Amino acid sequence: MAAQRGTRVLRIVQEDEPVMGSPYPKASLWLRVGARLVDVAVAWGLAAVCGAAGSVVALLFLLLADGMIQGQSVGKRIFGVKVMHLPTRSAARHRDSTLRNAPLALIVLLGMMPLPLGQVAAAAGLVVIGGLEAWRVLRDPLGWRLGDRWAQTQVVDGKVVAGATVAPRTPVAHERAPGRLLSAAKVRRGRVLKKVRKGKPCASR
């Protein structure tokens, strides 16, 4: 028994085995860079078109972009990548998009400061925050950056998701409205009564 307790069990890991915590492989960095450039260009255009409120509109777009088209922003739609919420294996929603893009949106917030301080702060934020996030994407086995850690999301190739069995996000019990639960219970009870009546005819009164 003592010898068995002292022995260590070795586990062989295949090279193509998904990293613990995600069933999806790492997406192409070039596709992610292209998608991000398109999103930044769209945000820049919104800021230029919307006048005084342009910065706010651009900020909201960057925060919510990844939850607009089933886990895809405009750029991610074009380049075929998608943001997945890992705990539920479903497309990212607006809340997930806001959490994962919060570090990048901070750069825009810094740029909204009065000139010339805003330009200096935005440039410094771009170097520090953008550099840190880019370094994490390059070094992490799943391509997670800090925002992905917060939101529990991962950018994946759309073809991988399309070919895999992905479970839809089921709402938690306490998030469902009571009326929906009661109506569902009535439907189930009605089906059961129909089956009972078919098998056992009702006695005449």
C-alpha atoms as a PDB file:
ATOM      1  CA  MET A   1       0.000   0.000   0.000  1.00  0.00           C
ATOM      2  CA  ALA A   2       2.831   2.395   0.888  1.00  0.00           C
ATOM      3  CA  ALA A   3       4.496   1.767  -2.463  1.00  0.00           C
ATOM      4  CA  GLN A   4       1.235   2.485  -4.288  1.00  0.00           C
ATOM      5  CA  ARG A   5       0.719   5.733  -2.401  1.00  0.00           C
ATOM      6  CA  GLY A   6       4.218   6.885  -3.251  1.00  0.00           C
ATOM      7  CA  THR A   7       3.902   6.250  -6.989  1.00  0.00           C
ATOM      8  CA  ARG A   8       2.938   9.065  -9.312  1.00  0.00           C
ATOM      9  CA  VAL A   9       0.577   8.653 -12.228  1.00  0.00           C
ATOM     10  CA  LEU A  10       1.860  10.137 -15.477  1.00  0.00           C
ATOM     11  CA  ARG A  11      -0.645  11.444 -18.026  1.00  0.00           C
ATOM     12  CA  ILE A  12       0.254  11.574 -21.700  1.00  0.00           C
ATOM     13  CA  VAL A  13      -1.108  14.687 -23.422  1.00  0.00           C
ATOM     14  CA  GLN A  14      -1.554  14.714 -27.175  1.00  0.00           C
ATOM     15  CA  GLU A  15      -0.359  17.752 -29.085  1.00  0.00           C
ATOM     16  CA  ASP A  16      -3.771  18.431 -30.591  1.00  0.00           C
ATOM     17  CA  GLU A  17      -5.620  17.953 -27.323  1.00  0.00           C
ATOM     18  CA  PRO A  18      -7.612  21.096 -26.302  1.00  0.00           C
ATOM     19  CA  VAL A  19      -6.209  23.022 -23.366  1.00  0.00           C
ATOM     20  CA  MET A  20      -8.037  22.536 -20.078  1.00  0.00           C
ATOM     21  CA  GLY A  21     -10.888  25.026 -19.778  1.00  0.00           C
ATOM     22  CA  SER A  22     -11.815  25.247 -23.462  1.00  0.00           C
ATOM     23  CA  PRO A  23     -12.886  22.746 -26.135  1.00  0.00           C
ATOM     24  CA  TYR A  24     -11.794  25.070 -28.951  1.00  0.00           C
ATOM     25  CA  PRO A  25      -8.351  25.520 -30.537  1.00  0.00           C
ATOM     26  CA  LYS A  26      -6.618  28.868 -30.754  1.00  0.00           C
ATOM     27  CA  ALA A  27      -7.857  31.075 -33.580  1.00  0.00           C
ATOM     28  CA  SER A  28      -5.570  32.544 -36.219  1.00  0.00           C
ATOM     29  CA  LEU A  29      -3.844  35.691 -35.023  1.00  0.00           C
ATOM     30  CA  TRP A  30      -3.943  37.226 -38.499  1.00  0.00           C
ATOM     31  CA  LEU A  31      -7.721  36.846 -38.653  1.00  0.00           C
ATOM     32  CA  ARG A  32      -8.060  38.438 -35.231  1.00  0.00           C
ATOM     33  CA  VAL A  33      -5.833  41.358 -36.172  1.00  0.00           C
ATOM     34  CA  GLY A  34      -7.767  41.946 -39.381  1.00  0.00           C
ATOM     35  CA  ALA A  35     -11.095  41.820 -37.552  1.00  0.00           C
ATOM     36  CA  ARG A  36      -9.861  44.267 -34.909  1.00  0.00           C
ATOM     37  CA  LEU A  37      -8.609  46.715 -37.536  1.00  0.00           C
ATOM     38  CA  VAL A  38     -12.008  46.702 -39.245  1.00  0.00           C
ATOM     39  CA  ASP A  39     -13.792  47.329 -35.924  1.00  0.00           C
ATOM     40  CA  VAL A  40     -11.451  50.196 -35.075  1.00  0.00           C
ATOM     41  CA  ALA A  41     -12.054  51.688 -38.534  1.00  0.00           C
ATOM     42  CA  VAL A  42     -15.837  51.451 -38.010  1.00  0.00           C
ATOM     43  CA  ALA A  43     -15.525  53.096 -34.582  1.00  0.00           C
ATOM     44  CA  TRP A  44     -13.362  55.838 -36.113  1.00  0.00           C
ATOM     45  CA  GLY A  45     -15.990  56.445 -38.796  1.00  0.00           C
ATOM     46  CA  LEU A  46     -18.771  56.640 -36.218  1.00  0.00           C
ATOM     47  CA  ALA A  47     -16.772  59.135 -34.185  1.00  0.00           C
ATOM     48  CA  ALA A  48     -16.273  61.308 -37.269  1.00  0.00           C
ATOM     49  CA  VAL A  49     -19.896  61.153 -38.426  1.00  0.00           C
ATOM     50  CA  CYS A  50     -21.681  61.598 -35.089  1.00  0.00           C
ATOM     51  CA  GLY A  51     -20.106  64.953 -34.257  1.00  0.00           C
ATOM     52  CA  ALA A  52     -19.980  65.940 -30.593  1.00  0.00           C
ATOM     53  CA  ALA A  53     -21.310  62.562 -29.450  1.00  0.00           C
ATOM     54  CA  GLY A  54     -18.926  60.689 -31.737  1.00  0.00           C
ATOM     55  CA  SER A  55     -16.557  59.574 -28.993  1.00  0.00           C
ATOM     56  CA  VAL A  56     -19.402  58.174 -26.899  1.00  0.00           C
ATOM     57  CA  VAL A  57     -20.872  56.335 -29.884  1.00  0.00           C
ATOM     58  CA  ALA A  58     -17.470  54.886 -30.780  1.00  0.00           C
ATOM     59  CA  LEU A  59     -16.958  53.797 -27.173  1.00  0.00           C
ATOM     60  CA  LEU A  60     -20.334  52.033 -27.044  1.00  0.00           C
ATOM     61  CA  PHE A  61     -19.646  50.336 -30.365  1.00  0.00           C
ATOM     62  CA  LEU A  62     -16.306  48.972 -29.178  1.00  0.00           C
ATOM     63  CA  LEU A  63     -17.851  47.707 -25.951  1.00  0.00           C
ATOM     64  CA  LEU A  64     -20.883  45.998 -27.518  1.00  0.00           C
ATOM     65  CA  ALA A  65     -19.446  45.009 -30.919  1.00  0.00           C
ATOM     66  CA  ASP A  66     -18.751  41.344 -30.157  1.00  0.00           C
ATOM     67  CA  GLY A  67     -22.353  40.709 -29.083  1.00  0.00           C
ATOM     68  CA  MET A  68     -24.083  42.251 -32.080  1.00  0.00           C
ATOM     69  CA  ILE A  69     -24.198  39.362 -34.584  1.00  0.00           C
ATOM     70  CA  GLN A  70     -24.245  36.127 -32.561  1.00  0.00           C
ATOM     71  CA  GLY A  71     -20.818  36.642 -31.042  1.00  0.00           C
ATOM     72  CA  GLN A  72     -19.456  38.541 -34.031  1.00  0.00           C
ATOM     73  CA  SER A  73     -18.651  42.173 -34.624  1.00  0.00           C
ATOM     74  CA  VAL A  74     -18.501  43.643 -38.112  1.00  0.00           C
ATOM     75  CA  GLY A  75     -14.820  42.796 -38.420  1.00  0.00           C
ATOM     76  CA  LYS A  76     -15.190  39.304 -36.987  1.00  0.00           C
ATOM     77  CA  ARG A  77     -18.071  38.659 -39.375  1.00  0.00           C
ATOM     78  CA  ILE A  78     -15.898  39.601 -42.334  1.00  0.00           C
ATOM     79  CA  PHE A  79     -12.881  37.536 -41.215  1.00  0.00           C
ATOM     80  CA  GLY A  80     -14.865  34.513 -40.033  1.00  0.00           C
ATOM     81  CA  VAL A  81     -13.974  34.454 -36.331  1.00  0.00           C
ATOM     82  CA  LYS A  82     -16.363  34.384 -33.409  1.00  0.00           C
ATOM     83  CA  VAL A  83     -16.414  35.052 -29.653  1.00  0.00           C
ATOM     84  CA  MET A  84     -17.684  32.119 -27.577  1.00  0.00           C
ATOM     85  CA  HIS A  85     -18.730  32.142 -23.928  1.00  0.00           C
ATOM     86  CA  LEU A  86     -16.853  29.113 -22.575  1.00  0.00           C
ATOM     87  CA  PRO A  87     -18.997  28.093 -19.548  1.00  0.00           C
ATOM     88  CA  THR A  88     -22.072  27.722 -21.773  1.00  0.00           C
ATOM     89  CA  ARG A  89     -20.317  27.145 -25.134  1.00  0.00           C
ATOM     90  CA  SER A  90     -22.614  29.682 -26.742  1.00  0.00           C
ATOM     91  CA  ALA A  91     -22.124  32.876 -28.703  1.00  0.00           C
ATOM     92  CA  ALA A  92     -21.049  35.893 -26.654  1.00  0.00           C
ATOM     93  CA  ARG A  93     -23.725  38.373 -25.647  1.00  0.00           C
ATOM     94  CA  HIS A  94     -23.544  42.099 -25.016  1.00  0.00           C
ATOM     95  CA  ARG A  95     -22.557  41.592 -21.369  1.00  0.00           C
ATOM     96  CA  ASP A  96     -19.709  39.285 -22.384  1.00  0.00           C
ATOM     97  CA  SER A  97     -18.642  41.720 -25.085  1.00  0.00           C
ATOM     98  CA  THR A  98     -18.590  44.617 -22.625  1.00  0.00           C
ATOM     99  CA  LEU A  99     -16.402  42.720 -20.157  1.00  0.00           C
ATOM    100  CA  ARG A 100     -13.882  41.465 -22.715  1.00  0.00           C
ATOM    101  CA  ASN A 101     -13.553  44.841 -24.466  1.00  0.00           C
ATOM    102  CA  ALA A 102     -13.360  46.950 -21.292  1.00  0.00           C
ATOM    103  CA  PRO A 103      -9.525  47.202 -21.330  1.00  0.00           C
ATOM    104  CA  LEU A 104      -9.539  48.452 -24.932  1.00  0.00           C
ATOM    105  CA  ALA A 105     -12.428  50.837 -24.300  1.00  0.00           C
ATOM    106  CA  LEU A 106     -10.349  52.417 -21.537  1.00  0.00           C
ATOM    107  CA  ILE A 107      -8.025  53.755 -24.238  1.00  0.00           C
ATOM    108  CA  VAL A 108     -10.962  55.614 -25.790  1.00  0.00           C
ATOM    109  CA  LEU A 109     -11.938  56.987 -22.382  1.00  0.00           C
ATOM    110  CA  LEU A 110      -8.433  58.322 -21.909  1.00  0.00           C
ATOM    111  CA  GLY A 111      -8.650  60.006 -25.294  1.00  0.00           C
ATOM    112  CA  MET A 112     -11.850  61.811 -24.222  1.00  0.00           C
ATOM    113  CA  MET A 113      -9.877  63.894 -21.715  1.00  0.00           C
ATOM    114  CA  PRO A 114      -9.326  67.574 -22.579  1.00  0.00           C
ATOM    115  CA  LEU A 115      -6.604  68.362 -25.113  1.00  0.00           C
ATOM    116  CA  PRO A 116      -3.654  68.010 -25.157  1.00  0.00           C
ATOM    117  CA  LEU A 117      -3.797  65.696 -22.137  1.00  0.00           C
ATOM    118  CA  GLY A 118      -6.242  63.389 -23.882  1.00  0.00           C
ATOM    119  CA  GLN A 119      -3.947  62.678 -26.798  1.00  0.00           C
ATOM    120  CA  VAL A 120      -1.020  61.920 -24.522  1.00  0.00           C
ATOM    121  CA  ALA A 121      -3.113  59.700 -22.241  1.00  0.00           C
ATOM    122  CA  ALA A 122      -4.623  57.802 -25.178  1.00  0.00           C
ATOM    123  CA  ALA A 123      -1.194  57.221 -26.722  1.00  0.00           C
ATOM    124  CA  ALA A 124       0.187  55.988 -23.405  1.00  0.00           C
ATOM    125  CA  GLY A 125      -2.847  53.752 -22.885  1.00  0.00           C
ATOM    126  CA  LEU A 126      -2.476  52.328 -26.366  1.00  0.00           C
ATOM    127  CA  VAL A 127       1.160  51.431 -25.704  1.00  0.00           C
ATOM    128  CA  VAL A 128       0.621  49.985 -22.203  1.00  0.00           C
ATOM    129  CA  ILE A 129      -2.820  48.377 -22.450  1.00  0.00           C
ATOM    130  CA  GLY A 130      -2.578  47.425 -26.122  1.00  0.00           C
ATOM    131  CA  GLY A 131       0.905  46.012 -25.650  1.00  0.00           C
ATOM    132  CA  LEU A 132      -0.120  43.973 -22.607  1.00  0.00           C
ATOM    133  CA  GLU A 133      -3.191  42.555 -24.343  1.00  0.00           C
ATOM    134  CA  ALA A 134      -1.210  41.728 -27.499  1.00  0.00           C
ATOM    135  CA  TRP A 135       1.474  40.001 -25.439  1.00  0.00           C
ATOM    136  CA  ARG A 136      -1.126  37.864 -23.674  1.00  0.00           C
ATOM    137  CA  VAL A 137      -2.742  36.876 -26.980  1.00  0.00           C
ATOM    138  CA  LEU A 138       0.618  35.761 -28.340  1.00  0.00           C
ATOM    139  CA  ARG A 139       1.729  33.883 -25.234  1.00  0.00           C
ATOM    140  CA  ASP A 140      -1.513  32.270 -24.073  1.00  0.00           C
ATOM    141  CA  PRO A 141      -2.225  28.764 -25.496  1.00  0.00           C
ATOM    142  CA  LEU A 142      -5.847  29.733 -26.174  1.00  0.00           C
ATOM    143  CA  GLY A 143      -5.225  33.320 -27.221  1.00  0.00           C
ATOM    144  CA  TRP A 144      -6.854  34.700 -24.090  1.00  0.00           C
ATOM    145  CA  ARG A 145      -6.208  38.302 -23.233  1.00  0.00           C
ATOM    146  CA  LEU A 146      -7.145  40.016 -19.988  1.00  0.00           C
ATOM    147  CA  GLY A 147     -10.659  40.831 -21.192  1.00  0.00           C
ATOM    148  CA  ASP A 148     -11.265  37.175 -22.076  1.00  0.00           C
ATOM    149  CA  ARG A 149     -10.287  36.178 -18.542  1.00  0.00           C
ATOM    150  CA  TRP A 150     -12.858  38.553 -17.127  1.00  0.00           C
ATOM    151  CA  ALA A 151     -15.657  37.532 -19.497  1.00  0.00           C
ATOM    152  CA  GLN A 152     -14.667  33.824 -19.752  1.00  0.00           C
ATOM    153  CA  THR A 153     -14.678  34.064 -23.531  1.00  0.00           C
ATOM    154  CA  GLN A 154     -12.468  32.925 -26.384  1.00  0.00           C
ATOM    155  CA  VAL A 155     -12.115  34.014 -29.994  1.00  0.00           C
ATOM    156  CA  VAL A 156     -12.459  30.929 -32.207  1.00  0.00           C
ATOM    157  CA  ASP A 157     -12.576  30.140 -35.889  1.00  0.00           C
ATOM    158  CA  GLY A 158     -16.152  30.216 -37.163  1.00  0.00           C
ATOM    159  CA  LYS A 159     -15.586  27.017 -39.147  1.00  0.00           C
ATOM    160  CA  VAL A 160     -14.586  25.151 -35.997  1.00  0.00           C
ATOM    161  CA  VAL A 161     -17.762  26.234 -34.224  1.00  0.00           C
ATOM    162  CA  ALA A 162     -19.927  25.362 -37.229  1.00  0.00           C
ATOM    163  CA  GLY A 163     -18.517  21.841 -37.324  1.00  0.00           C
ATOM    164  CA  ALA A 164     -18.785  21.196 -33.593  1.00  0.00           C
ATOM    165  CA  THR A 165     -21.727  20.348 -31.402  1.00  0.00           C
ATOM    166  CA  VAL A 166     -22.282  23.512 -29.409  1.00  0.00           C
ATOM    167  CA  ALA A 167     -24.813  23.550 -26.599  1.00  0.00           C
ATOM    168  CA  PRO A 168     -27.126  26.577 -26.560  1.00  0.00           C
ATOM    169  CA  ARG A 169     -27.018  28.843 -23.556  1.00  0.00           C
ATOM    170  CA  THR A 170     -29.788  27.764 -21.203  1.00  0.00           C
ATOM    171  CA  PRO A 171     -30.939  30.473 -18.799  1.00  0.00           C
ATOM    172  CA  VAL A 172     -30.563  29.798 -15.095  1.00  0.00           C
ATOM    173  CA  ALA A 173     -33.742  28.854 -13.250  1.00  0.00           C
ATOM    174  CA  HIS A 174     -33.894  32.066 -11.216  1.00  0.00           C
ATOM    175  CA  GLU A 175     -33.527  34.146 -14.384  1.00  0.00           C
ATOM    176  CA  ARG A 176     -36.704  32.758 -15.938  1.00  0.00           C
ATOM    177  CA  ALA A 177     -39.929  34.622 -15.455  1.00  0.00           C
ATOM    178  CA  PRO A 178     -42.414  32.912 -13.068  1.00  0.00           C
ATOM    179  CA  GLY A 179     -45.169  33.201 -15.662  1.00  0.00           C
ATOM    180  CA  ARG A 180     -43.137  31.138 -18.155  1.00  0.00           C
ATOM    181  CA  LEU A 181     -42.494  28.447 -15.550  1.00  0.00           C
ATOM    182  CA  LEU A 182     -46.187  28.232 -14.640  1.00  0.00           C
ATOM    183  CA  SER A 183     -47.285  28.120 -18.273  1.00  0.00           C
ATOM    184  CA  ALA A 184     -44.742  25.385 -19.024  1.00  0.00           C
ATOM    185  CA  ALA A 185     -46.001  23.384 -16.036  1.00  0.00           C
ATOM    186  CA  LYS A 186     -49.599  23.730 -17.250  1.00  0.00           C
ATOM    187  CA  VAL A 187     -48.636  22.495 -20.707  1.00  0.00           C
ATOM    188  CA  ARG A 188     -46.888  19.434 -19.272  1.00  0.00           C
ATOM    189  CA  ARG A 189     -49.828  18.696 -16.968  1.00  0.00           C
ATOM    190  CA  GLY A 190     -52.243  18.980 -19.890  1.00  0.00           C
ATOM    191  CA  ARG A 191     -50.195  16.496 -21.937  1.00  0.00           C
ATOM    192  CA  VAL A 192     -50.159  14.038 -19.068  1.00  0.00           C
ATOM    193  CA  LEU A 193     -53.952  14.307 -18.641  1.00  0.00           C
ATOM    194  CA  LYS A 194     -54.475  13.674 -22.356  1.00  0.00           C
ATOM    195  CA  LYS A 195     -52.369  10.520 -22.200  1.00  0.00           C
ATOM    196  CA  VAL A 196     -54.253   9.269 -19.136  1.00  0.00           C
ATOM    197  CA  ARG A 197     -57.621   9.906 -20.740  1.00  0.00           C
ATOM    198  CA  LYS A 198     -56.604   8.052 -23.904  1.00  0.00           C
ATOM    199  CA  GLY A 199     -55.487   5.018 -21.934  1.00  0.00           C
ATOM    200  CA  LYS A 200     -58.314   5.040 -19.378  1.00  0.00           C
ATOM    201  CA  PRO A 201     -61.672   6.411 -20.481  1.00  0.00           C
ATOM    202  CA  CYS A 202     -63.436   8.622 -17.940  1.00  0.00           C
ATOM    203  CA  ALA A 203     -66.285   7.029 -16.020  1.00  0.00           C
ATOM    204  CA  SER A 204     -69.782   8.360 -16.728  1.00  0.00           C
ATOM    205  CA  ARG A 205     -71.316  10.480 -13.981  1.00  0.00           C
END
